[in-house]
Amino acid sequence: MNLSPENKIAGILTPLFALRSEKGLGIGDVATLREFIVWAREIGFGVVQLLPINEV
């Protein structure tokens, strides 16, 4: 694994239920996640990581 500073990327970790939008159902949904990913990419993030969904 190469850990040189030139290869670093920044990311965001979020639970899906924390994502809200005007069009969403208020519980976090895939359409809102897509909007969030586009926004994150536009501001320079390279990774969006979600907490596990329906983990039992």
PDB file of N, CA and C in Angstrom:
ATOM      1  N   MET A   1       0.846  -1.174   0.000  1.00  0.00           N
ATOM      2  CA  MET A   1       0.000   0.000   0.000  1.00  0.00           C
ATOM      3  C   MET A   1       0.887   1.229   0.000  1.00  0.00           C
ATOM      4  N   ASN A   2       0.644   2.140  -0.937  1.00  0.00           N
ATOM      5  CA  ASN A   2       1.434   3.359  -1.054  1.00  0.00           C
ATOM      6  C   ASN A   2       0.731   4.497  -0.317  1.00  0.00           C
ATOM      7  N   LEU A   3       1.347   5.021   0.746  1.00  0.00           N
ATOM      8  CA  LEU A   3       0.739   6.072   1.553  1.00  0.00           C
ATOM      9  C   LEU A   3       1.391   7.426   1.342  1.00  0.00           C
ATOM     10  N   SER A   4       1.912   7.688   0.176  1.00  0.00           N
ATOM     11  CA  SER A   4       2.576   8.965  -0.074  1.00  0.00           C
ATOM     12  C   SER A   4       1.549  10.101  -0.072  1.00  0.00           C
ATOM     13  N   PRO A   5       1.965  11.310   0.336  1.00  0.00           N
ATOM     14  CA  PRO A   5       1.045  12.454   0.387  1.00  0.00           C
ATOM     15  C   PRO A   5       0.395  12.778  -0.955  1.00  0.00           C
ATOM     16  N   GLU A   6       1.035  12.455  -2.049  1.00  0.00           N
ATOM     17  CA  GLU A   6       0.470  12.735  -3.364  1.00  0.00           C
ATOM     18  C   GLU A   6      -0.773  11.894  -3.659  1.00  0.00           C
ATOM     19  N   ASN A   7      -0.928  10.765  -2.972  1.00  0.00           N
ATOM     20  CA  ASN A   7      -2.041   9.855  -3.236  1.00  0.00           C
ATOM     21  C   ASN A   7      -3.189   9.987  -2.238  1.00  0.00           C
ATOM     22  N   LYS A   8      -3.154  10.984  -1.368  1.00  0.00           N
ATOM     23  CA  LYS A   8      -4.205  11.133  -0.367  1.00  0.00           C
ATOM     24  C   LYS A   8      -5.478  11.692  -0.994  1.00  0.00           C
ATOM     25  N   ILE A   9      -6.616  11.232  -0.484  1.00  0.00           N
ATOM     26  CA  ILE A   9      -7.905  11.780  -0.880  1.00  0.00           C
ATOM     27  C   ILE A   9      -8.710  12.064   0.383  1.00  0.00           C
ATOM     28  N   ALA A  10      -9.655  12.965   0.278  1.00  0.00           N
ATOM     29  CA  ALA A  10     -10.526  13.299   1.403  1.00  0.00           C
ATOM     30  C   ALA A  10     -11.895  12.681   1.164  1.00  0.00           C
ATOM     31  N   GLY A  11     -12.583  12.366   2.254  1.00  0.00           N
ATOM     32  CA  GLY A  11     -13.905  11.777   2.138  1.00  0.00           C
ATOM     33  C   GLY A  11     -14.825  12.205   3.259  1.00  0.00           C
ATOM     34  N   ILE A  12     -16.081  11.812   3.140  1.00  0.00           N
ATOM     35  CA  ILE A  12     -17.117  12.119   4.120  1.00  0.00           C
ATOM     36  C   ILE A  12     -17.773  10.812   4.536  1.00  0.00           C
ATOM     37  N   LEU A  13     -17.985  10.642   5.842  1.00  0.00           N
ATOM     38  CA  LEU A  13     -18.719   9.495   6.384  1.00  0.00           C
ATOM     39  C   LEU A  13     -20.032  10.014   6.942  1.00  0.00           C
ATOM     40  N   THR A  14     -21.150   9.436   6.516  1.00  0.00           N
ATOM     41  CA  THR A  14     -22.457   9.899   6.980  1.00  0.00           C
ATOM     42  C   THR A  14     -23.440   8.740   7.028  1.00  0.00           C
ATOM     43  N   PRO A  15     -24.375   8.780   7.969  1.00  0.00           N
ATOM     44  CA  PRO A  15     -25.484   7.825   7.901  1.00  0.00           C
ATOM     45  C   PRO A  15     -26.490   8.297   6.854  1.00  0.00           C
ATOM     46  N   LEU A  16     -27.091   7.389   6.139  1.00  0.00           N
ATOM     47  CA  LEU A  16     -28.047   7.752   5.094  1.00  0.00           C
ATOM     48  C   LEU A  16     -29.199   8.572   5.658  1.00  0.00           C
ATOM     49  N   PHE A  17     -29.666   8.237   6.855  1.00  0.00           N
ATOM     50  CA  PHE A  17     -30.814   8.940   7.429  1.00  0.00           C
ATOM     51  C   PHE A  17     -30.522  10.395   7.779  1.00  0.00           C
ATOM     52  N   ALA A  18     -29.252  10.799   7.769  1.00  0.00           N
ATOM     53  CA  ALA A  18     -28.888  12.186   8.063  1.00  0.00           C
ATOM     54  C   ALA A  18     -29.005  13.086   6.840  1.00  0.00           C
ATOM     55  N   LEU A  19     -29.150  12.512   5.663  1.00  0.00           N
ATOM     56  CA  LEU A  19     -29.222  13.299   4.432  1.00  0.00           C
ATOM     57  C   LEU A  19     -30.662  13.736   4.188  1.00  0.00           C
ATOM     58  N   ARG A  20     -30.852  15.039   4.004  1.00  0.00           N
ATOM     59  CA  ARG A  20     -32.181  15.599   3.788  1.00  0.00           C
ATOM     60  C   ARG A  20     -32.201  16.408   2.494  1.00  0.00           C
ATOM     61  N   SER A  21     -33.342  16.458   1.847  1.00  0.00           N
ATOM     62  CA  SER A  21     -33.522  17.325   0.682  1.00  0.00           C
ATOM     63  C   SER A  21     -34.984  17.747   0.623  1.00  0.00           C
ATOM     64  N   GLU A  22     -35.257  18.775  -0.162  1.00  0.00           N
ATOM     65  CA  GLU A  22     -36.639  19.249  -0.309  1.00  0.00           C
ATOM     66  C   GLU A  22     -37.525  18.199  -0.971  1.00  0.00           C
ATOM     67  N   LYS A  23     -36.948  17.401  -1.857  1.00  0.00           N
ATOM     68  CA  LYS A  23     -37.719  16.394  -2.582  1.00  0.00           C
ATOM     69  C   LYS A  23     -37.800  15.066  -1.829  1.00  0.00           C
ATOM     70  N   GLY A  24     -36.941  14.883  -0.822  1.00  0.00           N
ATOM     71  CA  GLY A  24     -36.857  13.609  -0.127  1.00  0.00           C
ATOM     72  C   GLY A  24     -38.013  13.366   0.821  1.00  0.00           C
ATOM     73  N   LEU A  25     -38.042  12.169   1.381  1.00  0.00           N
ATOM     74  CA  LEU A  25     -39.090  11.775   2.313  1.00  0.00           C
ATOM     75  C   LEU A  25     -38.752  12.122   3.756  1.00  0.00           C
ATOM     76  N   GLY A  26     -37.587  12.719   3.986  1.00  0.00           N
ATOM     77  CA  GLY A  26     -37.191  13.097   5.338  1.00  0.00           C
ATOM     78  C   GLY A  26     -36.514  11.995   6.120  1.00  0.00           C
ATOM     79  N   ILE A  27     -36.232  10.874   5.477  1.00  0.00           N
ATOM     80  CA  ILE A  27     -35.604   9.750   6.165  1.00  0.00           C
ATOM     81  C   ILE A  27     -34.283   9.347   5.523  1.00  0.00           C
ATOM     82  N   GLY A  28     -33.874  10.086   4.510  1.00  0.00           N
ATOM     83  CA  GLY A  28     -32.674   9.715   3.756  1.00  0.00           C
ATOM     84  C   GLY A  28     -33.046   8.677   2.715  1.00  0.00           C
ATOM     85  N   ASP A  29     -32.833   8.986   1.468  1.00  0.00           N
ATOM     86  CA  ASP A  29     -33.171   8.055   0.396  1.00  0.00           C
ATOM     87  C   ASP A  29     -32.081   8.108  -0.668  1.00  0.00           C
ATOM     88  N   VAL A  30     -32.146   7.194  -1.610  1.00  0.00           N
ATOM     89  CA  VAL A  30     -31.086   7.063  -2.603  1.00  0.00           C
ATOM     90  C   VAL A  30     -31.008   8.293  -3.510  1.00  0.00           C
ATOM     91  N   ALA A  31     -32.137   8.910  -3.841  1.00  0.00           N
ATOM     92  CA  ALA A  31     -32.108  10.112  -4.679  1.00  0.00           C
ATOM     93  C   ALA A  31     -31.351  11.232  -3.976  1.00  0.00           C
ATOM     94  N   THR A  32     -31.577  11.392  -2.684  1.00  0.00           N
ATOM     95  CA  THR A  32     -30.857  12.404  -1.910  1.00  0.00           C
ATOM     96  C   THR A  32     -29.383  12.047  -1.814  1.00  0.00           C
ATOM     97  N   LEU A  33     -29.077  10.767  -1.680  1.00  0.00           N
ATOM     98  CA  LEU A  33     -27.687  10.320  -1.644  1.00  0.00           C
ATOM     99  C   LEU A  33     -26.977  10.683  -2.945  1.00  0.00           C
ATOM    100  N   ARG A  34     -27.640  10.496  -4.067  1.00  0.00           N
ATOM    101  CA  ARG A  34     -27.037  10.863  -5.358  1.00  0.00           C
ATOM    102  C   ARG A  34     -26.724  12.352  -5.414  1.00  0.00           C
ATOM    103  N   GLU A  35     -27.651  13.189  -4.952  1.00  0.00           N
ATOM    104  CA  GLU A  35     -27.408  14.632  -4.913  1.00  0.00           C
ATOM    105  C   GLU A  35     -26.216  14.951  -4.018  1.00  0.00           C
ATOM    106  N   PHE A  36     -26.122  14.269  -2.885  1.00  0.00           N
ATOM    107  CA  PHE A  36     -25.028  14.480  -1.939  1.00  0.00           C
ATOM    108  C   PHE A  36     -23.690  14.094  -2.563  1.00  0.00           C
ATOM    109  N   ILE A  37     -23.662  12.984  -3.292  1.00  0.00           N
ATOM    110  CA  ILE A  37     -22.426  12.536  -3.944  1.00  0.00           C
ATOM    111  C   ILE A  37     -21.969  13.560  -4.978  1.00  0.00           C
ATOM    112  N   VAL A  38     -22.900  14.077  -5.767  1.00  0.00           N
ATOM    113  CA  VAL A  38     -22.557  15.100  -6.761  1.00  0.00           C
ATOM    114  C   VAL A  38     -21.989  16.328  -6.062  1.00  0.00           C
ATOM    115  N   TRP A  39     -22.647  16.787  -4.997  1.00  0.00           N
ATOM    116  CA  TRP A  39     -22.169  17.945  -4.238  1.00  0.00           C
ATOM    117  C   TRP A  39     -20.776  17.688  -3.666  1.00  0.00           C
ATOM    118  N   ALA A  40     -20.567  16.516  -3.060  1.00  0.00           N
ATOM    119  CA  ALA A  40     -19.271  16.190  -2.460  1.00  0.00           C
ATOM    120  C   ALA A  40     -18.168  16.204  -3.516  1.00  0.00           C
ATOM    121  N   ARG A  41     -18.451  15.675  -4.678  1.00  0.00           N
ATOM    122  CA  ARG A  41     -17.460  15.659  -5.764  1.00  0.00           C
ATOM    123  C   ARG A  41     -17.146  17.078  -6.236  1.00  0.00           C
ATOM    124  N   GLU A  42     -18.176  17.918  -6.338  1.00  0.00           N
ATOM    125  CA  GLU A  42     -17.980  19.300  -6.788  1.00  0.00           C
ATOM    126  C   GLU A  42     -17.057  20.090  -5.867  1.00  0.00           C
ATOM    127  N   ILE A  43     -17.090  19.792  -4.570  1.00  0.00           N
ATOM    128  CA  ILE A  43     -16.240  20.542  -3.642  1.00  0.00           C
ATOM    129  C   ILE A  43     -14.918  19.834  -3.351  1.00  0.00           C
ATOM    130  N   GLY A  44     -14.661  18.715  -4.030  1.00  0.00           N
ATOM    131  CA  GLY A  44     -13.343  18.112  -3.978  1.00  0.00           C
ATOM    132  C   GLY A  44     -13.179  16.833  -3.184  1.00  0.00           C
ATOM    133  N   PHE A  45     -14.266  16.287  -2.648  1.00  0.00           N
ATOM    134  CA  PHE A  45     -14.148  15.018  -1.936  1.00  0.00           C
ATOM    135  C   PHE A  45     -14.092  13.863  -2.928  1.00  0.00           C
ATOM    136  N   GLY A  46     -13.326  12.829  -2.588  1.00  0.00           N
ATOM    137  CA  GLY A  46     -13.174  11.688  -3.467  1.00  0.00           C
ATOM    138  C   GLY A  46     -13.904  10.447  -3.004  1.00  0.00           C
ATOM    139  N   VAL A  47     -14.426  10.460  -1.752  1.00  0.00           N
ATOM    140  CA  VAL A  47     -15.086   9.287  -1.185  1.00  0.00           C
ATOM    141  C   VAL A  47     -16.301   9.734  -0.380  1.00  0.00           C
ATOM    142  N   VAL A  48     -17.412   9.034  -0.551  1.00  0.00           N
ATOM    143  CA  VAL A  48     -18.563   9.172   0.342  1.00  0.00           C
ATOM    144  C   VAL A  48     -18.807   7.787   0.920  1.00  0.00           C
ATOM    145  N   GLN A  49     -18.728   7.686   2.235  1.00  0.00           N
ATOM    146  CA  GLN A  49     -18.902   6.399   2.912  1.00  0.00           C
ATOM    147  C   GLN A  49     -20.156   6.464   3.766  1.00  0.00           C
ATOM    148  N   LEU A  50     -20.984   5.420   3.696  1.00  0.00           N
ATOM    149  CA  LEU A  50     -22.196   5.342   4.500  1.00  0.00           C
ATOM    150  C   LEU A  50     -22.000   4.397   5.669  1.00  0.00           C
ATOM    151  N   LEU A  51     -22.706   4.684   6.747  1.00  0.00           N
ATOM    152  CA  LEU A  51     -22.788   3.710   7.826  1.00  0.00           C
ATOM    153  C   LEU A  51     -23.611   2.533   7.315  1.00  0.00           C
ATOM    154  N   PRO A  52     -23.482   1.369   7.930  1.00  0.00           N
ATOM    155  CA  PRO A  52     -24.264   0.213   7.475  1.00  0.00           C
ATOM    156  C   PRO A  52     -25.769   0.508   7.492  1.00  0.00           C
ATOM    157  N   ILE A  53     -26.479  -0.018   6.503  1.00  0.00           N
ATOM    158  CA  ILE A  53     -27.925   0.173   6.394  1.00  0.00           C
ATOM    159  C   ILE A  53     -28.612  -1.105   6.856  1.00  0.00           C
ATOM    160  N   ASN A  54     -29.582  -0.967   7.761  1.00  0.00           N
ATOM    161  CA  ASN A  54     -30.345  -2.103   8.303  1.00  0.00           C
ATOM    162  C   ASN A  54     -29.440  -3.166   8.918  1.00  0.00           C
ATOM    163  N   GLU A  55     -28.431  -2.720   9.629  1.00  0.00           N
ATOM    164  CA  GLU A  55     -27.514  -3.649  10.294  1.00  0.00           C
ATOM    165  C   GLU A  55     -28.235  -4.313  11.459  1.00  0.00           C
ATOM    166  N   VAL A  56     -28.130  -5.620  11.548  1.00  0.00           N
ATOM    167  CA  VAL A  56     -28.760  -6.339  12.663  1.00  0.00           C
ATOM    168  C   VAL A  56     -27.739  -7.087  13.464  1.00  0.00           C
TER     169      VAL A  56
END
